[in-house]
């Protein structure tokens, strides 16, 4: 997987995990709310689920009572910093 794509999935996964923990939602609860298997959610949060759909991103965002755009805010800045290292 290209480095940029890998970084993007890791970034999104971390943002999802942060929002889930901020809301006090367990991975099991998120799985129940979204219908997405727990193991797949764990892979998403770890940045290891390549090619997950925008539909899943919207489902996760809705379950976490946020907008999907909030899960990608900061990507450009993160990418610049990561590529500068």
PDB file of N, CA and C in Angstrom:
ATOM      1  N   UNK A   1       0.856  -1.172   0.000  1.00  0.00           N
ATOM      2  CA  UNK A   1       0.000   0.000   0.000  1.00  0.00           C
ATOM      3  C   UNK A   1       0.904   1.238   0.000  1.00  0.00           C
ATOM      4  N   UNK A   2       0.588   2.202  -0.861  1.00  0.00           N
ATOM      5  CA  UNK A   2       1.389   3.429  -0.876  1.00  0.00           C
ATOM      6  C   UNK A   2       1.391   4.118   0.492  1.00  0.00           C
ATOM      7  N   UNK A   3       2.502   4.783   0.805  1.00  0.00           N
ATOM      8  CA  UNK A   3       2.678   5.407   2.118  1.00  0.00           C
ATOM      9  C   UNK A   3       1.577   6.420   2.423  1.00  0.00           C
ATOM     10  N   UNK A   4       1.192   7.238   1.449  1.00  0.00           N
ATOM     11  CA  UNK A   4       0.168   8.268   1.680  1.00  0.00           C
ATOM     12  C   UNK A   4      -1.157   7.627   2.080  1.00  0.00           C
ATOM     13  N   UNK A   5      -1.515   6.565   1.388  1.00  0.00           N
ATOM     14  CA  UNK A   5      -2.768   5.861   1.677  1.00  0.00           C
ATOM     15  C   UNK A   5      -2.710   5.230   3.069  1.00  0.00           C
ATOM     16  N   UNK A   6      -1.581   4.617   3.382  1.00  0.00           N
ATOM     17  CA  UNK A   6      -1.402   3.989   4.695  1.00  0.00           C
ATOM     18  C   UNK A   6      -1.539   5.038   5.801  1.00  0.00           C
ATOM     19  N   UNK A   7      -0.897   6.184   5.615  1.00  0.00           N
ATOM     20  CA  UNK A   7      -0.996   7.269   6.594  1.00  0.00           C
ATOM     21  C   UNK A   7      -2.438   7.737   6.762  1.00  0.00           C
ATOM     22  N   UNK A   8      -3.169   7.818   5.646  1.00  0.00           N
ATOM     23  CA  UNK A   8      -4.556   8.272   5.700  1.00  0.00           C
ATOM     24  C   UNK A   8      -5.402   7.323   6.541  1.00  0.00           C
ATOM     25  N   UNK A   9      -5.280   6.024   6.310  1.00  0.00           N
ATOM     26  CA  UNK A   9      -6.062   5.053   7.079  1.00  0.00           C
ATOM     27  C   UNK A   9      -5.677   5.069   8.557  1.00  0.00           C
ATOM     28  N   UNK A  10      -4.405   5.249   8.844  1.00  0.00           N
ATOM     29  CA  UNK A  10      -3.973   5.347  10.244  1.00  0.00           C
ATOM     30  C   UNK A  10      -4.547   6.604  10.895  1.00  0.00           C
ATOM     31  N   UNK A  11      -4.539   7.711  10.163  1.00  0.00           N
ATOM     32  CA  UNK A  11      -5.081   8.975  10.670  1.00  0.00           C
ATOM     33  C   UNK A  11      -6.570   8.844  10.976  1.00  0.00           C
ATOM     34  N   UNK A  12      -7.333   8.322  10.028  1.00  0.00           N
ATOM     35  CA  UNK A  12      -8.779   8.158  10.213  1.00  0.00           C
ATOM     36  C   UNK A  12      -9.054   7.219  11.383  1.00  0.00           C
ATOM     37  N   UNK A  13      -8.327   6.117  11.450  1.00  0.00           N
ATOM     38  CA  UNK A  13      -8.515   5.161  12.539  1.00  0.00           C
ATOM     39  C   UNK A  13      -8.290   5.780  13.902  1.00  0.00           C
ATOM     40  N   UNK A  14      -7.252   6.589  14.005  1.00  0.00           N
ATOM     41  CA  UNK A  14      -6.947   7.256  15.273  1.00  0.00           C
ATOM     42  C   UNK A  14      -8.038   8.260  15.631  1.00  0.00           C
ATOM     43  N   UNK A  15      -8.529   9.004  14.637  1.00  0.00           N
ATOM     44  CA  UNK A  15      -9.600   9.978  14.893  1.00  0.00           C
ATOM     45  C   UNK A  15     -10.873   9.270  15.363  1.00  0.00           C
ATOM     46  N   UNK A  16     -11.182   8.129  14.769  1.00  0.00           N
ATOM     47  CA  UNK A  16     -12.363   7.355  15.173  1.00  0.00           C
ATOM     48  C   UNK A  16     -12.192   6.874  16.610  1.00  0.00           C
ATOM     49  N   UNK A  17     -11.023   6.322  16.919  1.00  0.00           N
ATOM     50  CA  UNK A  17     -10.766   5.840  18.277  1.00  0.00           C
ATOM     51  C   UNK A  17     -10.878   6.977  19.291  1.00  0.00           C
ATOM     52  N   UNK A  18     -10.278   8.120  18.972  1.00  0.00           N
ATOM     53  CA  UNK A  18     -10.341   9.272  19.878  1.00  0.00           C
ATOM     54  C   UNK A  18     -11.783   9.710  20.122  1.00  0.00           C
ATOM     55  N   UNK A  19     -12.568   9.802  19.060  1.00  0.00           N
ATOM     56  CA  UNK A  19     -13.958  10.241  19.190  1.00  0.00           C
ATOM     57  C   UNK A  19     -14.761   9.208  19.973  1.00  0.00           C
ATOM     58  N   UNK A  20     -14.512   7.926  19.722  1.00  0.00           N
ATOM     59  CA  UNK A  20     -15.227   6.858  20.434  1.00  0.00           C
ATOM     60  C   UNK A  20     -14.931   6.940  21.929  1.00  0.00           C
ATOM     61  N   UNK A  21     -13.660   7.093  22.275  1.00  0.00           N
ATOM     62  CA  UNK A  21     -13.279   7.182  23.684  1.00  0.00           C
ATOM     63  C   UNK A  21     -13.805   8.467  24.321  1.00  0.00           C
ATOM     64  N   UNK A  22     -13.779   9.560  23.573  1.00  0.00           N
ATOM     65  CA  UNK A  22     -14.312  10.837  24.069  1.00  0.00           C
ATOM     66  C   UNK A  22     -15.798  10.710  24.415  1.00  0.00           C
ATOM     67  N   UNK A  23     -16.518   9.935  23.611  1.00  0.00           N
ATOM     68  CA  UNK A  23     -17.954   9.737  23.825  1.00  0.00           C
ATOM     69  C   UNK A  23     -18.242   8.642  24.854  1.00  0.00           C
ATOM     70  N   UNK A  24     -17.198   7.920  25.287  1.00  0.00           N
ATOM     71  CA  UNK A  24     -17.384   6.850  26.262  1.00  0.00           C
ATOM     72  C   UNK A  24     -18.057   5.620  25.682  1.00  0.00           C
ATOM     73  N   UNK A  25     -17.806   5.378  24.400  1.00  0.00           N
ATOM     74  CA  UNK A  25     -18.414   4.244  23.701  1.00  0.00           C
ATOM     75  C   UNK A  25     -17.370   3.138  23.569  1.00  0.00           C
ATOM     76  N   UNK A  26     -17.747   1.918  23.920  1.00  0.00           N
ATOM     77  CA  UNK A  26     -16.827   0.787  23.756  1.00  0.00           C
ATOM     78  C   UNK A  26     -16.871   0.317  22.310  1.00  0.00           C
ATOM     79  N   UNK A  27     -15.879  -0.460  21.935  1.00  0.00           N
ATOM     80  CA  UNK A  27     -15.847  -1.011  20.583  1.00  0.00           C
ATOM     81  C   UNK A  27     -17.048  -1.928  20.359  1.00  0.00           C
ATOM     82  N   UNK A  28     -17.455  -2.647  21.418  1.00  0.00           N
ATOM     83  CA  UNK A  28     -18.634  -3.516  21.310  1.00  0.00           C
ATOM     84  C   UNK A  28     -19.897  -2.696  21.071  1.00  0.00           C
ATOM     85  N   UNK A  29     -20.039  -1.586  21.790  1.00  0.00           N
ATOM     86  CA  UNK A  29     -21.209  -0.720  21.612  1.00  0.00           C
ATOM     87  C   UNK A  29     -21.230  -0.114  20.214  1.00  0.00           C
ATOM     88  N   UNK A  30     -20.063   0.281  19.730  1.00  0.00           N
ATOM     89  CA  UNK A  30     -19.990   0.845  18.383  1.00  0.00           C
ATOM     90  C   UNK A  30     -20.374  -0.203  17.348  1.00  0.00           C
ATOM     91  N   UNK A  31     -19.953  -1.419  17.570  1.00  0.00           N
ATOM     92  CA  UNK A  31     -20.312  -2.515  16.677  1.00  0.00           C
ATOM     93  C   UNK A  31     -21.827  -2.716  16.645  1.00  0.00           C
ATOM     94  N   UNK A  32     -22.445  -2.699  17.817  1.00  0.00           N
ATOM     95  CA  UNK A  32     -23.903  -2.858  17.883  1.00  0.00           C
ATOM     96  C   UNK A  32     -24.633  -1.697  17.213  1.00  0.00           C
ATOM     97  N   UNK A  33     -24.138  -0.486  17.401  1.00  0.00           N
ATOM     98  CA  UNK A  33     -24.786   0.701  16.825  1.00  0.00           C
ATOM     99  C   UNK A  33     -24.665   0.758  15.307  1.00  0.00           C
ATOM    100  N   UNK A  34     -23.557   0.241  14.779  1.00  0.00           N
ATOM    101  CA  UNK A  34     -23.299   0.358  13.343  1.00  0.00           C
ATOM    102  C   UNK A  34     -23.606  -0.909  12.555  1.00  0.00           C
ATOM    103  N   UNK A  35     -23.585  -2.046  13.234  1.00  0.00           N
ATOM    104  CA  UNK A  35     -23.734  -3.308  12.516  1.00  0.00           C
ATOM    105  C   UNK A  35     -22.427  -3.760  11.875  1.00  0.00           C
ATOM    106  N   UNK A  36     -21.346  -3.054  12.188  1.00  0.00           N
ATOM    107  CA  UNK A  36     -20.025  -3.412  11.666  1.00  0.00           C
ATOM    108  C   UNK A  36     -19.355  -4.330  12.681  1.00  0.00           C
ATOM    109  N   UNK A  37     -18.813  -5.428  12.197  1.00  0.00           N
ATOM    110  CA  UNK A  37     -18.189  -6.388  13.107  1.00  0.00           C
ATOM    111  C   UNK A  37     -17.076  -5.742  13.931  1.00  0.00           C
ATOM    112  N   UNK A  38     -16.997  -6.177  15.181  1.00  0.00           N
ATOM    113  CA  UNK A  38     -16.012  -5.648  16.136  1.00  0.00           C
ATOM    114  C   UNK A  38     -14.589  -5.774  15.594  1.00  0.00           C
ATOM    115  N   UNK A  39     -14.250  -6.914  15.038  1.00  0.00           N
ATOM    116  CA  UNK A  39     -12.892  -7.149  14.535  1.00  0.00           C
ATOM    117  C   UNK A  39     -12.556  -6.175  13.407  1.00  0.00           C
ATOM    118  N   UNK A  40     -13.558  -5.858  12.581  1.00  0.00           N
ATOM    119  CA  UNK A  40     -13.330  -4.912  11.487  1.00  0.00           C
ATOM    120  C   UNK A  40     -13.160  -3.493  12.034  1.00  0.00           C
ATOM    121  N   UNK A  41     -13.958  -3.135  13.037  1.00  0.00           N
ATOM    122  CA  UNK A  41     -13.802  -1.825  13.675  1.00  0.00           C
ATOM    123  C   UNK A  41     -12.419  -1.689  14.301  1.00  0.00           C
ATOM    124  N   UNK A  42     -11.941  -2.763  14.918  1.00  0.00           N
ATOM    125  CA  UNK A  42     -10.597  -2.736  15.508  1.00  0.00           C
ATOM    126  C   UNK A  42      -9.548  -2.502  14.427  1.00  0.00           C
ATOM    127  N   UNK A  43      -9.716  -3.159  13.283  1.00  0.00           N
ATOM    128  CA  UNK A  43      -8.773  -2.971  12.176  1.00  0.00           C
ATOM    129  C   UNK A  43      -8.817  -1.537  11.662  1.00  0.00           C
ATOM    130  N   UNK A  44     -10.020  -0.971  11.583  1.00  0.00           N
ATOM    131  CA  UNK A  44     -10.156   0.423  11.149  1.00  0.00           C
ATOM    132  C   UNK A  44      -9.400   1.332  12.111  1.00  0.00           C
ATOM    133  N   UNK A  45      -9.624   1.149  13.400  1.00  0.00           N
ATOM    134  CA  UNK A  45      -8.966   1.999  14.401  1.00  0.00           C
ATOM    135  C   UNK A  45      -7.448   1.843  14.392  1.00  0.00           C
ATOM    136  N   UNK A  46      -6.969   0.680  14.037  1.00  0.00           N
ATOM    137  CA  UNK A  46      -5.525   0.429  13.979  1.00  0.00           C
ATOM    138  C   UNK A  46      -4.911   0.900  12.664  1.00  0.00           C
ATOM    139  N   UNK A  47      -5.760   1.352  11.729  1.00  0.00           N
ATOM    140  CA  UNK A  47      -5.271   1.786  10.426  1.00  0.00           C
ATOM    141  C   UNK A  47      -4.922   0.638   9.513  1.00  0.00           C
ATOM    142  N   UNK A  48      -5.458  -0.537   9.805  1.00  0.00           N
ATOM    143  CA  UNK A  48      -5.126  -1.741   9.042  1.00  0.00           C
ATOM    144  C   UNK A  48      -6.245  -2.197   8.116  1.00  0.00           C
ATOM    145  N   UNK A  49      -7.340  -1.447   8.082  1.00  0.00           N
ATOM    146  CA  UNK A  49      -8.464  -1.805   7.211  1.00  0.00           C
ATOM    147  C   UNK A  49      -8.405  -0.905   5.988  1.00  0.00           C
ATOM    148  N   UNK A  50      -7.726  -1.370   4.975  1.00  0.00           N
ATOM    149  CA  UNK A  50      -7.637  -0.555   3.769  1.00  0.00           C
ATOM    150  C   UNK A  50      -8.933  -0.688   2.971  1.00  0.00           C
ATOM    151  N   UNK A  51      -9.273   0.398   2.331  1.00  0.00           N
ATOM    152  CA  UNK A  51     -10.426   0.437   1.434  1.00  0.00           C
ATOM    153  C   UNK A  51     -11.774   0.283   2.119  1.00  0.00           C
ATOM    154  N   UNK A  52     -11.937   0.756   3.338  1.00  0.00           N
ATOM    155  CA  UNK A  52     -13.274   0.726   3.908  1.00  0.00           C
ATOM    156  C   UNK A  52     -14.070   1.857   3.278  1.00  0.00           C
ATOM    157  N   UNK A  53     -15.357   1.638   3.122  1.00  0.00           N
ATOM    158  CA  UNK A  53     -16.197   2.546   2.345  1.00  0.00           C
ATOM    159  C   UNK A  53     -16.558   3.823   3.092  1.00  0.00           C
ATOM    160  N   UNK A  54     -16.921   4.829   2.315  1.00  0.00           N
ATOM    161  CA  UNK A  54     -17.415   6.066   2.914  1.00  0.00           C
ATOM    162  C   UNK A  54     -18.727   5.803   3.632  1.00  0.00           C
ATOM    163  N   UNK A  55     -19.476   4.810   3.168  1.00  0.00           N
ATOM    164  CA  UNK A  55     -20.721   4.441   3.854  1.00  0.00           C
ATOM    165  C   UNK A  55     -20.418   4.031   5.287  1.00  0.00           C
ATOM    166  N   UNK A  56     -19.387   3.221   5.471  1.00  0.00           N
ATOM    167  CA  UNK A  56     -18.993   2.797   6.825  1.00  0.00           C
ATOM    168  C   UNK A  56     -18.521   3.996   7.645  1.00  0.00           C
ATOM    169  N   UNK A  57     -17.788   4.904   7.018  1.00  0.00           N
ATOM    170  CA  UNK A  57     -17.331   6.102   7.719  1.00  0.00           C
ATOM    171  C   UNK A  57     -18.533   6.916   8.212  1.00  0.00           C
ATOM    172  N   UNK A  58     -19.544   7.067   7.365  1.00  0.00           N
ATOM    173  CA  UNK A  58     -20.747   7.805   7.757  1.00  0.00           C
ATOM    174  C   UNK A  58     -21.516   7.074   8.856  1.00  0.00           C
ATOM    175  N   UNK A  59     -21.568   5.750   8.783  1.00  0.00           N
ATOM    176  CA  UNK A  59     -22.248   4.963   9.822  1.00  0.00           C
ATOM    177  C   UNK A  59     -21.550   5.142  11.172  1.00  0.00           C
ATOM    178  N   UNK A  60     -20.234   5.095  11.157  1.00  0.00           N
ATOM    179  CA  UNK A  60     -19.453   5.260  12.387  1.00  0.00           C
ATOM    180  C   UNK A  60     -19.651   6.666  12.938  1.00  0.00           C
ATOM    181  N   UNK A  61     -19.566   7.660  12.063  1.00  0.00           N
ATOM    182  CA  UNK A  61     -19.749   9.049  12.498  1.00  0.00           C
ATOM    183  C   UNK A  61     -21.124   9.246  13.127  1.00  0.00           C
ATOM    184  N   UNK A  62     -22.153   8.715  12.495  1.00  0.00           N
ATOM    185  CA  UNK A  62     -23.512   8.856  13.034  1.00  0.00           C
ATOM    186  C   UNK A  62     -23.632   8.195  14.400  1.00  0.00           C
ATOM    187  N   UNK A  63     -23.056   7.006  14.534  1.00  0.00           N
ATOM    188  CA  UNK A  63     -23.111   6.291  15.812  1.00  0.00           C
ATOM    189  C   UNK A  63     -22.374   7.057  16.912  1.00  0.00           C
ATOM    190  N   UNK A  64     -21.370   7.831  16.517  1.00  0.00           N
ATOM    191  CA  UNK A  64     -20.593   8.616  17.480  1.00  0.00           C
ATOM    192  C   UNK A  64     -21.125  10.046  17.610  1.00  0.00           C
ATOM    193  N   UNK A  65     -22.280  10.268  17.014  1.00  0.00           N
ATOM    194  CA  UNK A  65     -22.961  11.570  17.078  1.00  0.00           C
ATOM    195  C   UNK A  65     -22.057  12.711  16.625  1.00  0.00           C
ATOM    196  N   UNK A  66     -21.414  12.506  15.485  1.00  0.00           N
ATOM    197  CA  UNK A  66     -20.573  13.532  14.889  1.00  0.00           C
ATOM    198  C   UNK A  66     -20.772  13.488  13.386  1.00  0.00           C
ATOM    199  N   UNK A  67     -20.181  14.421  12.691  1.00  0.00           N
ATOM    200  CA  UNK A  67     -20.254  14.435  11.236  1.00  0.00           C
ATOM    201  C   UNK A  67     -18.989  13.779  10.692  1.00  0.00           C
ATOM    202  N   UNK A  68     -19.126  13.075   9.585  1.00  0.00           N
ATOM    203  CA  UNK A  68     -17.972  12.381   9.007  1.00  0.00           C
ATOM    204  C   UNK A  68     -16.813  13.338   8.730  1.00  0.00           C
ATOM    205  N   UNK A  69     -17.122  14.565   8.373  1.00  0.00           N
ATOM    206  CA  UNK A  69     -16.054  15.533   8.090  1.00  0.00           C
ATOM    207  C   UNK A  69     -15.180  15.781   9.317  1.00  0.00           C
ATOM    208  N   UNK A  70     -15.759  15.639  10.498  1.00  0.00           N
ATOM    209  CA  UNK A  70     -14.988  15.839  11.726  1.00  0.00           C
ATOM    210  C   UNK A  70     -13.917  14.763  11.897  1.00  0.00           C
ATOM    211  N   UNK A  71     -14.099  13.635  11.224  1.00  0.00           N
ATOM    212  CA  UNK A  71     -13.137  12.543  11.334  1.00  0.00           C
ATOM    213  C   UNK A  71     -11.979  12.690  10.352  1.00  0.00           C
ATOM    214  N   UNK A  72     -12.092  13.644   9.423  1.00  0.00           N
ATOM    215  CA  UNK A  72     -10.997  13.857   8.471  1.00  0.00           C
ATOM    216  C   UNK A  72     -10.332  15.224   8.633  1.00  0.00           C
ATOM    217  N   UNK A  73     -10.921  16.079   9.476  1.00  0.00           N
ATOM    218  CA  UNK A  73     -10.317  17.391   9.713  1.00  0.00           C
ATOM    219  C   UNK A  73      -8.909  17.211  10.281  1.00  0.00           C
ATOM    220  N   UNK A  74      -7.986  17.923   9.697  1.00  0.00           N
ATOM    221  CA  UNK A  74      -6.601  17.857  10.152  1.00  0.00           C
ATOM    222  C   UNK A  74      -5.726  16.954   9.305  1.00  0.00           C
ATOM    223  N   UNK A  75      -6.331  16.238   8.347  1.00  0.00           N
ATOM    224  CA  UNK A  75      -5.563  15.302   7.533  1.00  0.00           C
ATOM    225  C   UNK A  75      -4.438  16.004   6.772  1.00  0.00           C
ATOM    226  N   UNK A  76      -4.722  17.124   6.121  1.00  0.00           N
ATOM    227  CA  UNK A  76      -3.706  17.786   5.309  1.00  0.00           C
ATOM    228  C   UNK A  76      -2.508  18.221   6.151  1.00  0.00           C
ATOM    229  N   UNK A  77      -2.781  18.767   7.316  1.00  0.00           N
ATOM    230  CA  UNK A  77      -1.696  19.194   8.209  1.00  0.00           C
ATOM    231  C   UNK A  77      -0.893  17.986   8.704  1.00  0.00           C
ATOM    232  N   UNK A  78      -1.601  16.919   9.070  1.00  0.00           N
ATOM    233  CA  UNK A  78      -0.947  15.697   9.527  1.00  0.00           C
ATOM    234  C   UNK A  78      -0.049  15.139   8.429  1.00  0.00           C
ATOM    235  N   UNK A  79      -0.571  15.117   7.214  1.00  0.00           N
ATOM    236  CA  UNK A  79       0.190  14.578   6.088  1.00  0.00           C
ATOM    237  C   UNK A  79       1.468  15.390   5.860  1.00  0.00           C
ATOM    238  N   UNK A  80       1.360  16.712   5.920  1.00  0.00           N
ATOM    239  CA  UNK A  80       2.538  17.564   5.737  1.00  0.00           C
ATOM    240  C   UNK A  80       3.597  17.273   6.794  1.00  0.00           C
ATOM    241  N   UNK A  81       3.165  17.159   8.042  1.00  0.00           N
ATOM    242  CA  UNK A  81       4.102  16.877   9.133  1.00  0.00           C
ATOM    243  C   UNK A  81       4.730  15.497   8.988  1.00  0.00           C
ATOM    244  N   UNK A  82       3.909  14.518   8.624  1.00  0.00           N
ATOM    245  CA  UNK A  82       4.399  13.145   8.497  1.00  0.00           C
ATOM    246  C   UNK A  82       5.395  13.023   7.347  1.00  0.00           C
ATOM    247  N   UNK A  83       5.135  13.713   6.265  1.00  0.00           N
ATOM    248  CA  UNK A  83       6.025  13.634   5.105  1.00  0.00           C
ATOM    249  C   UNK A  83       7.311  14.428   5.312  1.00  0.00           C
ATOM    250  N   UNK A  84       7.274  15.396   6.204  1.00  0.00           N
ATOM    251  CA  UNK A  84       8.456  16.215   6.486  1.00  0.00           C
ATOM    252  C   UNK A  84       9.480  15.471   7.331  1.00  0.00           C
ATOM    253  N   UNK A  85       9.028  14.443   8.034  1.00  0.00           N
ATOM    254  CA  UNK A  85       9.928  13.703   8.938  1.00  0.00           C
ATOM    255  C   UNK A  85      10.852  12.783   8.196  1.00  0.00           C
TER     256      UNK A  85
END
